[in-house]
C-alpha atoms as a PDB file:
ATOM      1  CA  MET A   1    -170.646-125.752  88.290  1.00  0.00           C
ATOM      2  CA  ILE A   2    -169.491-122.604  90.091  1.00  0.00           C
ATOM      3  CA  ILE A   3    -168.309-122.347  93.715  1.00  0.00           C
ATOM      4  CA  LYS A   4    -167.464-119.158  95.608  1.00  0.00           C
ATOM      5  CA  THR A   5    -164.964-119.820  98.382  1.00  0.00           C
ATOM      6  CA  PRO A   6    -163.989-117.381 101.174  1.00  0.00           C
ATOM      7  CA  ALA A   7    -160.794-115.983 102.646  1.00  0.00           C
ATOM      8  CA  LYS A   8    -159.851-116.062 106.339  1.00  0.00           C
ATOM      9  CA  ILE A   9    -157.986-113.989 108.851  1.00  0.00           C
ATOM     10  CA  ASN A  10    -156.260-115.222 112.003  1.00  0.00           C
ATOM     11  CA  LEU A  11    -157.423-113.364 115.103  1.00  0.00           C
ATOM     12  CA  PHE A  12    -154.883-115.348 117.111  1.00  0.00           C
ATOM     13  CA  LEU A  13    -151.751-117.316 116.225  1.00  0.00           C
ATOM     14  CA  GLU A  14    -149.448-118.830 118.828  1.00  0.00           C
ATOM     15  CA  VAL A  15    -146.597-121.128 117.835  1.00  0.00           C
ATOM     16  CA  LEU A  16    -146.000-123.816 120.449  1.00  0.00           C
ATOM     17  CA  ASP A  17    -143.152-126.041 119.242  1.00  0.00           C
ATOM     18  CA  LYS A  18    -141.682-127.707 116.197  1.00  0.00           C
ATOM     19  CA  ARG A  19    -142.989-131.103 115.117  1.00  0.00           C
ATOM     20  CA  LYS A  20    -141.031-134.099 113.845  1.00  0.00           C
ATOM     21  CA  ASP A  21    -142.699-133.724 110.438  1.00  0.00           C
ATOM     22  CA  GLY A  22    -141.179-130.254 110.023  1.00  0.00           C
ATOM     23  CA  TYR A  23    -144.362-128.317 110.751  1.00  0.00           C
ATOM     24  CA  HIS A  24    -145.069-126.422 113.972  1.00  0.00           C
ATOM     25  CA  ASN A  25    -147.763-127.074 116.534  1.00  0.00           C
ATOM     26  CA  ILE A  26    -149.863-123.946 116.736  1.00  0.00           C
ATOM     27  CA  GLU A  27    -152.992-122.564 118.335  1.00  0.00           C
ATOM     28  CA  THR A  28    -155.000-120.219 116.155  1.00  0.00           C
ATOM     29  CA  LEU A  29    -158.427-118.666 115.757  1.00  0.00           C
ATOM     30  CA  PHE A  30    -159.681-118.671 112.174  1.00  0.00           C
ATOM     31  CA  LEU A  31    -162.368-116.233 111.079  1.00  0.00           C
ATOM     32  CA  LYS A  32    -163.833-116.538 107.579  1.00  0.00           C
ATOM     33  CA  ILE A  33    -164.491-113.258 105.794  1.00  0.00           C
ATOM     34  CA  GLY A  34    -166.640-112.077 102.910  1.00  0.00           C
ATOM     35  CA  LEU A  35    -163.929-111.997 100.272  1.00  0.00           C
ATOM     36  CA  PHE A  36    -164.268-114.769  97.700  1.00  0.00           C
ATOM     37  CA  ASP A  37    -162.474-116.551  94.885  1.00  0.00           C
ATOM     38  CA  LYS A  38    -164.700-118.152  92.247  1.00  0.00           C
ATOM     39  CA  LEU A  39    -164.001-121.611  90.838  1.00  0.00           C
ATOM     40  CA  THR A  40    -165.713-122.821  87.669  1.00  0.00           C
ATOM     41  CA  PHE A  41    -165.714-126.579  87.020  1.00  0.00           C
ATOM     42  CA  LYS A  42    -166.175-128.158  83.590  1.00  0.00           C
ATOM     43  CA  LEU A  43    -166.063-131.883  82.884  1.00  0.00           C
ATOM     44  CA  ILE A  44    -163.523-132.989  80.270  1.00  0.00           C
ATOM     45  CA  LYS A  45    -162.771-136.490  78.987  1.00  0.00           C
ATOM     46  CA  LYS A  46    -159.539-136.922  80.908  1.00  0.00           C
ATOM     47  CA  GLY A  47    -156.840-135.115  82.820  1.00  0.00           C
ATOM     48  CA  ILE A  48    -156.748-132.106  85.121  1.00  0.00           C
ATOM     49  CA  LYS A  49    -156.488-128.633  83.624  1.00  0.00           C
ATOM     50  CA  ILE A  50    -156.092-125.506  85.767  1.00  0.00           C
ATOM     51  CA  SER A  51    -156.341-121.920  84.581  1.00  0.00           C
ATOM     52  CA  CYS A  52    -156.232-118.812  86.743  1.00  0.00           C
ATOM     53  CA  SER A  53    -156.887-115.092  86.324  1.00  0.00           C
ATOM     54  CA  HIS A  54    -153.852-114.128  88.467  1.00  0.00           C
ATOM     55  CA  PRO A  55    -150.419-114.266  86.801  1.00  0.00           C
ATOM     56  CA  ASP A  56    -148.620-115.287  90.008  1.00  0.00           C
ATOM     57  CA  VAL A  57    -150.742-118.404  90.558  1.00  0.00           C
ATOM     58  CA  PRO A  58    -149.241-121.552  88.978  1.00  0.00           C
ATOM     59  CA  GLU A  59    -151.395-123.577  86.607  1.00  0.00           C
ATOM     60  CA  ASP A  60    -149.365-126.774  86.866  1.00  0.00           C
ATOM     61  CA  GLN A  61    -149.055-129.641  89.357  1.00  0.00           C
ATOM     62  CA  THR A  62    -147.817-127.285  92.101  1.00  0.00           C
ATOM     63  CA  ASN A  63    -151.228-125.592  92.311  1.00  0.00           C
ATOM     64  CA  LEU A  64    -153.141-126.752  95.401  1.00  0.00           C
ATOM     65  CA  VAL A  65    -156.323-127.091  93.336  1.00  0.00           C
ATOM     66  CA  TYR A  66    -154.515-129.497  91.025  1.00  0.00           C
ATOM     67  CA  LYS A  67    -153.244-131.438  94.051  1.00  0.00           C
ATOM     68  CA  ALA A  68    -156.789-131.673  95.416  1.00  0.00           C
ATOM     69  CA  ALA A  69    -158.123-133.067  92.142  1.00  0.00           C
ATOM     70  CA  LYS A  70    -155.246-135.524  91.863  1.00  0.00           C
ATOM     71  CA  LEU A  71    -155.776-136.792  95.418  1.00  0.00           C
ATOM     72  CA  LEU A  72    -159.442-137.445  94.664  1.00  0.00           C
ATOM     73  CA  GLN A  73    -158.518-139.394  91.540  1.00  0.00           C
ATOM     74  CA  GLN A  74    -155.998-141.470  93.461  1.00  0.00           C
ATOM     75  CA  LYS A  75    -158.357-142.174  96.361  1.00  0.00           C
ATOM     76  CA  THR A  76    -161.401-143.117  94.305  1.00  0.00           C
ATOM     77  CA  GLY A  77    -159.849-144.466  91.121  1.00  0.00           C
ATOM     78  CA  THR A  78    -162.028-142.229  88.960  1.00  0.00           C
ATOM     79  CA  ASP A  79    -160.776-141.540  85.442  1.00  0.00           C
ATOM     80  CA  LYS A  80    -162.983-138.483  84.965  1.00  0.00           C
ATOM     81  CA  GLY A  81    -161.320-135.235  83.960  1.00  0.00           C
ATOM     82  CA  VAL A  82    -161.929-131.598  84.789  1.00  0.00           C
ATOM     83  CA  HIS A  83    -161.005-128.090  83.739  1.00  0.00           C
ATOM     84  CA  ILE A  84    -161.065-125.723  86.729  1.00  0.00           C
ATOM     85  CA  ARG A  85    -160.950-121.971  86.174  1.00  0.00           C
ATOM     86  CA  ILE A  86    -159.932-119.909  89.209  1.00  0.00           C
ATOM     87  CA  GLN A  87    -161.024-116.284  89.318  1.00  0.00           C
ATOM     88  CA  LYS A  88    -158.945-114.641  92.052  1.00  0.00           C
ATOM     89  CA  LYS A  89    -160.318-111.924  94.284  1.00  0.00           C
ATOM     90  CA  ILE A  90    -158.409-113.014  97.397  1.00  0.00           C
ATOM     91  CA  PRO A  91    -154.912-111.461  97.273  1.00  0.00           C
ATOM     92  CA  VAL A  92    -152.076-113.986  96.940  1.00  0.00           C
ATOM     93  CA  PHE A  93    -149.196-114.325  99.435  1.00  0.00           C
ATOM     94  CA  ALA A  94    -151.286-112.330 101.895  1.00  0.00           C
ATOM     95  CA  GLY A  95    -152.009-114.593 104.875  1.00  0.00           C
ATOM     96  CA  LEU A  96    -155.674-114.844 103.840  1.00  0.00           C
ATOM     97  CA  GLY A  97    -155.685-118.544 102.913  1.00  0.00           C
ATOM     98  CA  GLY A  98    -156.756-118.086  99.293  1.00  0.00           C
ATOM     99  CA  GLY A  99    -154.889-121.094  97.921  1.00  0.00           C
ATOM    100  CA  SER A 100    -156.095-123.300 100.762  1.00  0.00           C
ATOM    101  CA  SER A 101    -159.673-122.145 100.280  1.00  0.00           C
ATOM    102  CA  ASP A 102    -159.476-122.881  96.553  1.00  0.00           C
ATOM    103  CA  ALA A 103    -158.159-126.387  97.285  1.00  0.00           C
ATOM    104  CA  ALA A 104    -161.025-127.049  99.690  1.00  0.00           C
ATOM    105  CA  ALA A 105    -163.511-125.822  97.082  1.00  0.00           C
ATOM    106  CA  ALA A 106    -161.964-128.228  94.583  1.00  0.00           C
ATOM    107  CA  LEU A 107    -162.421-131.168  96.965  1.00  0.00           C
ATOM    108  CA  LEU A 108    -166.036-130.206  97.683  1.00  0.00           C
ATOM    109  CA  GLY A 109    -166.866-129.369  94.074  1.00  0.00           C
ATOM    110  CA  LEU A 110    -165.321-132.441  92.471  1.00  0.00           C
ATOM    111  CA  ASN A 111    -166.919-134.701  95.055  1.00  0.00           C
ATOM    112  CA  LYS A 112    -170.243-133.527  93.613  1.00  0.00           C
ATOM    113  CA  LEU A 113    -169.247-133.125  89.964  1.00  0.00           C
ATOM    114  CA  TRP A 114    -167.614-136.545  89.764  1.00  0.00           C
ATOM    115  CA  LYS A 115    -170.370-138.062  91.979  1.00  0.00           C
ATOM    116  CA  LEU A 116    -167.823-139.637  94.332  1.00  0.00           C
ATOM    117  CA  GLY A 117    -170.028-139.743  97.430  1.00  0.00           C
ATOM    118  CA  LEU A 118    -167.220-139.045  99.919  1.00  0.00           C
ATOM    119  CA  GLU A 119    -168.248-137.974 103.421  1.00  0.00           C
ATOM    120  CA  GLN A 120    -166.911-134.857 105.127  1.00  0.00           C
ATOM    121  CA  LYS A 121    -164.489-136.816 107.311  1.00  0.00           C
ATOM    122  CA  GLU A 122    -162.939-138.351 104.184  1.00  0.00           C
ATOM    123  CA  LEU A 123    -162.621-134.929 102.566  1.00  0.00           C
ATOM    124  CA  LEU A 124    -161.056-133.567 105.753  1.00  0.00           C
ATOM    125  CA  ALA A 125    -158.445-136.338 105.688  1.00  0.00           C
ATOM    126  CA  LEU A 126    -157.533-135.400 102.112  1.00  0.00           C
ATOM    127  CA  ALA A 127    -157.511-131.711 103.003  1.00  0.00           C
ATOM    128  CA  LYS A 128    -154.900-132.320 105.727  1.00  0.00           C
ATOM    129  CA  LYS A 129    -152.597-133.877 103.113  1.00  0.00           C
ATOM    130  CA  ILE A 130    -152.761-130.725 100.996  1.00  0.00           C
ATOM    131  CA  GLY A 131    -152.082-128.107 103.649  1.00  0.00           C
ATOM    132  CA  ALA A 132    -152.696-127.133 107.266  1.00  0.00           C
ATOM    133  CA  ASP A 133    -155.191-124.347 106.418  1.00  0.00           C
ATOM    134  CA  VAL A 134    -157.279-126.411 103.979  1.00  0.00           C
ATOM    135  CA  PRO A 135    -159.479-128.328 106.494  1.00  0.00           C
ATOM    136  CA  VAL A 136    -161.121-125.234 107.984  1.00  0.00           C
ATOM    137  CA  PHE A 137    -162.540-124.410 104.543  1.00  0.00           C
ATOM    138  CA  ILE A 138    -164.079-127.891 104.276  1.00  0.00           C
ATOM    139  CA  THR A 139    -166.171-127.206 107.381  1.00  0.00           C
ATOM    140  CA  ASN A 140    -169.364-125.151 107.505  1.00  0.00           C
ATOM    141  CA  CYS A 141    -168.220-123.117 110.526  1.00  0.00           C
ATOM    142  CA  ASN A 142    -167.401-119.428 110.104  1.00  0.00           C
ATOM    143  CA  ALA A 143    -164.948-119.374 113.022  1.00  0.00           C
ATOM    144  CA  ALA A 144    -162.853-122.130 114.588  1.00  0.00           C
ATOM    145  CA  ILE A 145    -159.961-122.754 116.930  1.00  0.00           C
ATOM    146  CA  GLY A 146    -157.204-124.665 115.154  1.00  0.00           C
ATOM    147  CA  LYS A 147    -154.657-126.773 117.021  1.00  0.00           C
ATOM    148  CA  ALA A 148    -151.849-129.215 116.093  1.00  0.00           C
ATOM    149  CA  ARG A 149    -150.800-127.878 112.639  1.00  0.00           C
ATOM    150  CA  GLY A 150    -153.962-125.764 112.679  1.00  0.00           C
ATOM    151  CA  ASP A 151    -155.974-128.653 111.242  1.00  0.00           C
ATOM    152  CA  LYS A 152    -157.469-129.990 114.502  1.00  0.00           C
ATOM    153  CA  LEU A 153    -160.587-127.841 114.568  1.00  0.00           C
ATOM    154  CA  THR A 154    -163.118-126.755 117.180  1.00  0.00           C
ATOM    155  CA  PRO A 155    -165.954-124.619 115.719  1.00  0.00           C
ATOM    156  CA  ILE A 156    -166.761-121.377 117.543  1.00  0.00           C
ATOM    157  CA  ASP A 157    -170.062-119.482 117.386  1.00  0.00           C
ATOM    158  CA  ILE A 158    -169.230-115.798 117.713  1.00  0.00           C
ATOM    159  CA  GLY A 159    -172.821-114.635 117.314  1.00  0.00           C
ATOM    160  CA  TYR A 160    -172.187-111.388 115.404  1.00  0.00           C
ATOM    161  CA  ARG A 161    -170.153-110.070 112.473  1.00  0.00           C
ATOM    162  CA  PHE A 162    -167.179-107.698 112.325  1.00  0.00           C
ATOM    163  CA  TRP A 163    -166.475-104.999 109.773  1.00  0.00           C
ATOM    164  CA  ILE A 164    -162.860-105.439 108.727  1.00  0.00           C
ATOM    165  CA  LEU A 165    -160.342-103.229 106.955  1.00  0.00           C
ATOM    166  CA  LEU A 166    -157.696-105.131 104.974  1.00  0.00           C
ATOM    167  CA  VAL A 167    -154.505-103.363 103.915  1.00  0.00           C
ATOM    168  CA  LYS A 168    -151.976-105.171 101.720  1.00  0.00           C
ATOM    169  CA  PRO A 169    -148.712-103.622 100.512  1.00  0.00           C
ATOM    170  CA  ASP A 170    -146.864-104.973  97.481  1.00  0.00           C
ATOM    171  CA  ILE A 171    -144.954-107.482  99.617  1.00  0.00           C
ATOM    172  CA  SER A 172    -144.874-111.278  99.460  1.00  0.00           C
ATOM    173  CA  VAL A 173    -143.941-112.962 102.735  1.00  0.00           C
ATOM    174  CA  SER A 174    -142.437-116.447 102.861  1.00  0.00           C
ATOM    175  CA  THR A 175    -144.336-118.509 105.439  1.00  0.00           C
ATOM    176  CA  GLN A 176    -141.387-120.872 105.778  1.00  0.00           C
ATOM    177  CA  LYS A 177    -138.982-117.997 106.400  1.00  0.00           C
ATOM    178  CA  ALA A 178    -141.322-116.510 109.011  1.00  0.00           C
ATOM    179  CA  TYR A 179    -141.490-119.767 110.972  1.00  0.00           C
ATOM    180  CA  CYS A 180    -137.742-120.325 110.688  1.00  0.00           C
ATOM    181  CA  GLY A 181    -137.153-116.980 112.379  1.00  0.00           C
ATOM    182  CA  LEU A 182    -139.015-118.163 115.475  1.00  0.00           C
ATOM    183  CA  SER A 183    -136.549-120.789 116.663  1.00  0.00           C
ATOM    184  CA  SER A 184    -135.073-118.636 119.430  1.00  0.00           C
ATOM    185  CA  SER A 185    -138.440-117.555 120.857  1.00  0.00           C
ATOM    186  CA  LEU A 186    -140.342-120.848 121.170  1.00  0.00           C
ATOM    187  CA  THR A 187    -139.511-121.189 124.873  1.00  0.00           C
ATOM    188  CA  ARG A 188    -141.236-117.941 125.822  1.00  0.00           C
ATOM    189  CA  GLN A 189    -144.424-117.832 127.854  1.00  0.00           C
ATOM    190  CA  LYS A 190    -147.380-118.759 125.660  1.00  0.00           C
ATOM    191  CA  ASN A 191    -150.600-116.849 125.096  1.00  0.00           C
ATOM    192  CA  ASP A 192    -153.960-118.606 125.470  1.00  0.00           C
ATOM    193  CA  VAL A 193    -156.595-118.381 122.725  1.00  0.00           C
ATOM    194  CA  LYS A 194    -159.392-118.898 125.297  1.00  0.00           C
ATOM    195  CA  LEU A 195    -158.952-115.328 126.536  1.00  0.00           C
ATOM    196  CA  LEU A 196    -159.575-113.993 123.022  1.00  0.00           C
ATOM    197  CA  VAL A 197    -162.574-116.264 122.485  1.00  0.00           C
ATOM    198  CA  HIS A 198    -164.112-114.878 125.685  1.00  0.00           C
ATOM    199  CA  ALA A 199    -163.372-111.318 124.584  1.00  0.00           C
ATOM    200  CA  VAL A 200    -164.873-111.851 121.122  1.00  0.00           C
ATOM    201  CA  LYS A 201    -168.037-113.490 122.425  1.00  0.00           C
ATOM    202  CA  SER A 202    -168.553-110.692 124.957  1.00  0.00           C
ATOM    203  CA  LYS A 203    -168.195-108.049 122.182  1.00  0.00           C
ATOM    204  CA  ARG A 204    -165.754-106.077 124.320  1.00  0.00           C
ATOM    205  CA  MET A 205    -163.362-104.344 121.947  1.00  0.00           C
ATOM    206  CA  GLU A 206    -161.016-103.289 124.768  1.00  0.00           C
ATOM    207  CA  LEU A 207    -160.526-106.973 125.655  1.00  0.00           C
ATOM    208  CA  ILE A 208    -160.234-108.005 122.003  1.00  0.00           C
ATOM    209  CA  GLU A 209    -157.522-105.372 121.592  1.00  0.00           C
ATOM    210  CA  LYS A 210    -155.538-106.860 124.476  1.00  0.00           C
ATOM    211  CA  THR A 211    -155.915-110.515 123.425  1.00  0.00           C
ATOM    212  CA  LEU A 212    -155.462-110.363 119.638  1.00  0.00           C
ATOM    213  CA  PHE A 213    -152.092-111.983 119.036  1.00  0.00           C
ATOM    214  CA  ASN A 214    -149.810-113.242 116.288  1.00  0.00           C
ATOM    215  CA  ARG A 215    -146.468-114.803 117.277  1.00  0.00           C
ATOM    216  CA  LEU A 216    -145.158-114.414 113.711  1.00  0.00           C
ATOM    217  CA  GLU A 217    -145.698-110.674 113.691  1.00  0.00           C
ATOM    218  CA  SER A 218    -142.470-109.709 115.460  1.00  0.00           C
ATOM    219  CA  VAL A 219    -140.378-111.889 113.141  1.00  0.00           C
ATOM    220  CA  VAL A 220    -142.041-110.648 109.951  1.00  0.00           C
ATOM    221  CA  PHE A 221    -141.941-107.003 111.074  1.00  0.00           C
ATOM    222  CA  LYS A 222    -138.151-107.271 111.439  1.00  0.00           C
ATOM    223  CA  GLN A 223    -137.932-108.508 107.837  1.00  0.00           C
ATOM    224  CA  TYR A 224    -140.518-106.072 106.431  1.00  0.00           C
ATOM    225  CA  LYS A 225    -140.572-102.814 108.356  1.00  0.00           C
ATOM    226  CA  GLN A 226    -143.295-101.438 106.062  1.00  0.00           C
ATOM    227  CA  LEU A 227    -145.788-103.890 107.605  1.00  0.00           C
ATOM    228  CA  LYS A 228    -145.088-102.573 111.089  1.00  0.00           C
ATOM    229  CA  LYS A 229    -145.542 -99.047 109.757  1.00  0.00           C
ATOM    230  CA  ILE A 230    -148.949 -99.929 108.267  1.00  0.00           C
ATOM    231  CA  LYS A 231    -150.093-101.401 111.571  1.00  0.00           C
ATOM    232  CA  GLN A 232    -149.008 -98.225 113.362  1.00  0.00           C
ATOM    233  CA  MET A 233    -150.804 -96.072 110.772  1.00  0.00           C
ATOM    234  CA  ILE A 234    -154.091 -97.967 111.212  1.00  0.00           C
ATOM    235  CA  SER A 235    -153.793 -97.789 115.002  1.00  0.00           C
ATOM    236  CA  ALA A 236    -153.054 -94.056 114.833  1.00  0.00           C
ATOM    237  CA  ARG A 237    -156.440 -93.544 113.197  1.00  0.00           C
ATOM    238  CA  GLY A 238    -158.216 -94.872 116.269  1.00  0.00           C
ATOM    239  CA  VAL A 239    -158.597 -98.527 115.347  1.00  0.00           C
ATOM    240  CA  ARG A 240    -157.983-100.479 118.557  1.00  0.00           C
ATOM    241  CA  ALA A 241    -157.837-104.057 117.248  1.00  0.00           C
ATOM    242  CA  VAL A 242    -155.141-104.329 114.549  1.00  0.00           C
ATOM    243  CA  LEU A 243    -153.095-107.401 113.613  1.00  0.00           C
ATOM    244  CA  MET A 244    -151.180-109.141 110.834  1.00  0.00           C
ATOM    245  CA  SER A 245    -153.024-112.169 109.454  1.00  0.00           C
ATOM    246  CA  GLY A 246    -151.124-115.465 109.328  1.00  0.00           C
ATOM    247  CA  SER A 247    -147.597-114.952 108.070  1.00  0.00           C
ATOM    248  CA  GLY A 248    -148.656-111.744 106.279  1.00  0.00           C
ATOM    249  CA  SER A 249    -148.623-109.541 104.371  1.00  0.00           C
ATOM    250  CA  VAL A 250    -152.163-108.309 105.085  1.00  0.00           C
ATOM    251  CA  ILE A 251    -152.704-106.106 108.121  1.00  0.00           C
ATOM    252  CA  PHE A 252    -156.324-105.993 109.269  1.00  0.00           C
ATOM    253  CA  GLY A 253    -158.297-103.821 111.634  1.00  0.00           C
ATOM    254  CA  LEU A 254    -161.612-104.673 113.294  1.00  0.00           C
ATOM    255  CA  ILE A 255    -163.915-101.708 112.748  1.00  0.00           C
ATOM    256  CA  ASN A 256    -167.114-100.683 114.567  1.00  0.00           C
ATOM    257  CA  SER A 257    -169.135 -99.719 111.486  1.00  0.00           C
ATOM    258  CA  ARG A 258    -169.186 -99.939 107.703  1.00  0.00           C
ATOM    259  CA  GLU A 259    -169.065 -96.145 107.432  1.00  0.00           C
ATOM    260  CA  GLU A 260    -165.919 -95.926 109.540  1.00  0.00           C
ATOM    261  CA  ALA A 261    -164.304 -98.762 107.571  1.00  0.00           C
ATOM    262  CA  ILE A 262    -165.012 -97.107 104.210  1.00  0.00           C
ATOM    263  CA  LYS A 263    -163.643 -93.786 105.477  1.00  0.00           C
ATOM    264  CA  LEU A 264    -160.419 -95.505 106.529  1.00  0.00           C
ATOM    265  CA  LYS A 265    -160.213 -97.361 103.221  1.00  0.00           C
ATOM    266  CA  LYS A 266    -160.136 -94.057 101.351  1.00  0.00           C
ATOM    267  CA  GLU A 267    -157.144 -92.959 103.417  1.00  0.00           C
ATOM    268  CA  PHE A 268    -155.079 -96.023 102.453  1.00  0.00           C
ATOM    269  CA  GLN A 269    -156.188 -96.817  98.904  1.00  0.00           C
ATOM    270  CA  GLY A 270    -153.828 -95.708  96.208  1.00  0.00           C
ATOM    271  CA  ALA A 271    -150.782 -96.447  98.319  1.00  0.00           C
ATOM    272  CA  TYR A 272    -151.886-100.010  99.162  1.00  0.00           C
ATOM    273  CA  GLU A 273    -154.365-102.636  98.064  1.00  0.00           C
ATOM    274  CA  THR A 274    -157.225-101.903 100.455  1.00  0.00           C
ATOM    275  CA  MET A 275    -160.571-103.634 101.025  1.00  0.00           C
ATOM    276  CA  VAL A 276    -163.520-103.470 103.408  1.00  0.00           C
ATOM    277  CA  VAL A 277    -165.137-106.825 104.147  1.00  0.00           C
ATOM    278  CA  ARG A 278    -167.394-108.343 106.767  1.00  0.00           C
ATOM    279  CA  SER A 279    -166.847-111.555 108.670  1.00  0.00           C
ATOM    280  CA  LEU A 280    -169.171-114.426 107.757  1.00  0.00           C
END
């Protein structure tokens, strides 16, 4: 069995406060994009085996795909085994949710392969145990508001698709370090995701430009000045809606047409890992 599983970008990310469990309460707008990892599942007699095409992805118990398989075994008591091969196309340590998406694909795939018969709400409960970004990939929605840790989801119907330029330098950003740097700014006035949702649904790029927001951006840009430079370079080429996704390191721009996106890609490729994708 083969499953293709998508990446995401965050069109909005506000950090509200710190939770007792160590996470932060956030408000975010997820948008799934047409950039996919591929997972291949093969039944084996026993155990969980993970292999991956990317050298920086662990193949042991720390891999989120392994954790997903193990949680299913523990919940259902199944003794079936699996070998899961992960073919990476989604850049790692990029703020695109690749590991979370792979974990969700493992939950969905093994539920079928092992014939467990779990309902979506049960898979969502397991997804929350793995990571805050995993639940959105369990759902069928292509865009959703995420609250609490980002795992309390409200699907959004945008009604059209963006062309998106993704630019990733050779930088790996620590999500934990990014959030830790926010402690002094959590009392500031908060931005409201509803304004962005209205702007997106109305297809008004001038409003989208004003309401795109990522609270982590200022912290990460202080640590990695190259990311701020990339954002400025994309904006200087006439792209109005530019933002860092998640905790980085990808900077994305919302583009009016495929032709314009490909032209911009040519300007950045070579210096950076650059892709043109479309939202789902």
